[in-house]
Protein backbone atom coordinates (compact mmCIF):
# COMPACT_ATOMS: atom_id res chain seq x y z
CA MET A 1 -145.45 14.06 64.20
CA VAL A 2 -147.48 14.67 67.36
CA VAL A 3 -149.28 18.01 67.52
CA PRO A 4 -149.66 19.26 71.12
CA ARG A 5 -153.14 20.23 72.27
CA ARG A 6 -153.55 23.95 72.79
CA PHE A 7 -155.81 25.97 75.04
CA VAL A 8 -158.82 27.70 73.53
CA ARG A 9 -158.26 31.36 74.35
CA LEU A 10 -161.48 32.90 73.07
CA THR A 11 -163.32 33.72 76.26
CA PRO A 12 -165.87 33.63 77.77
CA PHE A 13 -167.24 30.18 76.96
CA ILE A 14 -169.18 27.46 78.78
CA VAL A 15 -168.30 23.76 79.13
CA GLU A 16 -170.10 21.00 81.00
CA ILE A 17 -168.06 18.79 83.33
CA ASP A 18 -169.61 16.18 85.63
CA GLY A 19 -173.10 17.65 85.19
CA ALA A 20 -172.01 21.18 86.15
CA LYS A 21 -171.77 24.23 83.91
CA VAL A 22 -168.31 25.77 84.00
CA TYR A 23 -168.07 29.35 82.77
CA VAL A 24 -164.50 30.04 81.63
CA LEU A 25 -164.27 33.80 82.01
CA GLU A 26 -160.60 34.52 81.34
CA ILE A 27 -157.39 32.72 80.35
CA VAL A 28 -154.10 34.52 80.98
CA PRO A 29 -150.94 32.87 79.61
CA LYS A 30 -147.69 33.36 81.55
CA ARG A 31 -144.18 31.88 81.60
CA ASP A 32 -142.48 30.49 84.68
CA ILE A 33 -138.81 30.98 85.56
CA ARG A 34 -137.83 27.96 83.42
CA GLY A 35 -139.64 29.40 80.40
CA LYS A 36 -142.48 26.88 80.51
CA GLU A 37 -145.87 28.33 79.62
CA PHE A 38 -148.69 28.09 82.17
CA TYR A 39 -152.14 29.65 82.49
CA PHE A 40 -154.24 31.47 85.04
CA VAL A 41 -157.83 30.45 84.26
CA THR A 42 -160.70 32.36 85.89
CA VAL A 43 -163.84 30.23 86.14
CA LEU A 44 -167.28 30.16 87.72
CA VAL A 45 -169.09 26.87 88.44
CA GLU A 46 -172.87 26.37 88.44
CA TRP A 47 -174.56 23.16 89.56
CA ASN A 48 -178.15 22.47 90.60
CA GLY A 49 -179.00 26.17 90.73
CA VAL A 50 -176.01 26.97 92.96
CA ARG A 51 -173.36 29.26 91.52
CA SER A 52 -169.86 29.75 92.93
CA LYS A 53 -167.97 32.99 93.04
CA PRO A 54 -165.41 33.44 90.25
CA PHE A 55 -162.06 31.90 91.17
CA THR A 56 -158.70 31.41 89.48
CA LEU A 57 -156.90 28.14 88.80
CA HIS A 58 -153.22 27.77 87.88
CA CYS A 59 -152.52 25.03 85.31
CA TYR A 60 -150.07 23.90 82.66
CA THR A 61 -152.31 21.71 80.45
CA ASN A 62 -155.95 21.10 79.58
CA ASP A 63 -155.90 17.79 81.45
CA GLU A 64 -154.62 19.46 84.61
CA LEU A 65 -157.34 22.11 84.31
CA ILE A 66 -160.07 19.49 83.95
CA THR A 67 -158.72 17.57 86.97
CA LYS A 68 -158.74 20.73 89.10
CA LEU A 69 -162.23 21.64 87.90
CA ARG A 70 -163.54 18.19 88.84
CA ALA A 71 -162.16 18.71 92.36
CA GLU A 72 -163.85 22.13 92.62
CA ILE A 73 -167.15 20.70 91.35
CA ALA A 74 -166.95 17.92 93.94
CA LYS A 75 -166.43 20.56 96.67
CA LEU A 76 -169.46 22.50 95.44
CA LYS A 77 -171.61 19.37 95.40
CA LEU A 78 -170.44 18.37 98.88
CA SER A 79 -171.13 21.81 100.35
CA ASN A 80 -174.59 21.80 98.77
CA PHE A 81 -175.25 18.34 100.21
CA LEU A 82 -174.05 19.31 103.71
CA LEU A 83 -175.70 22.74 103.87
CA GLY A 84 -178.89 21.78 102.06
CA GLU A 85 -180.96 24.52 100.43
CA VAL A 86 -179.22 27.81 101.17
CA PRO A 87 -181.22 30.72 99.72
CA TRP A 88 -178.29 33.13 99.38
CA LEU A 89 -176.37 30.64 97.20
CA LYS A 90 -179.20 30.20 94.69
CA THR A 91 -178.95 31.95 91.36
């Protein structure tokens, strides 16, 4: 018997992905029109002293959430590389 992986719903908590701290602030479970469960996950990403604003991701599984978080972390790293040291983005 295969046991499906479940979301951890005790929030807030912090995980580290690709060298960035990801603050998971809220997880809201919902059901779509087909009855399949999905989640709205509110997160905040911090990397190299730069902290993003809280934003929400829509996902069905943990793997999808991690994939979307890796894309957001890459965007944060790229913007930090292109803009350089921006004082108003520092924590």
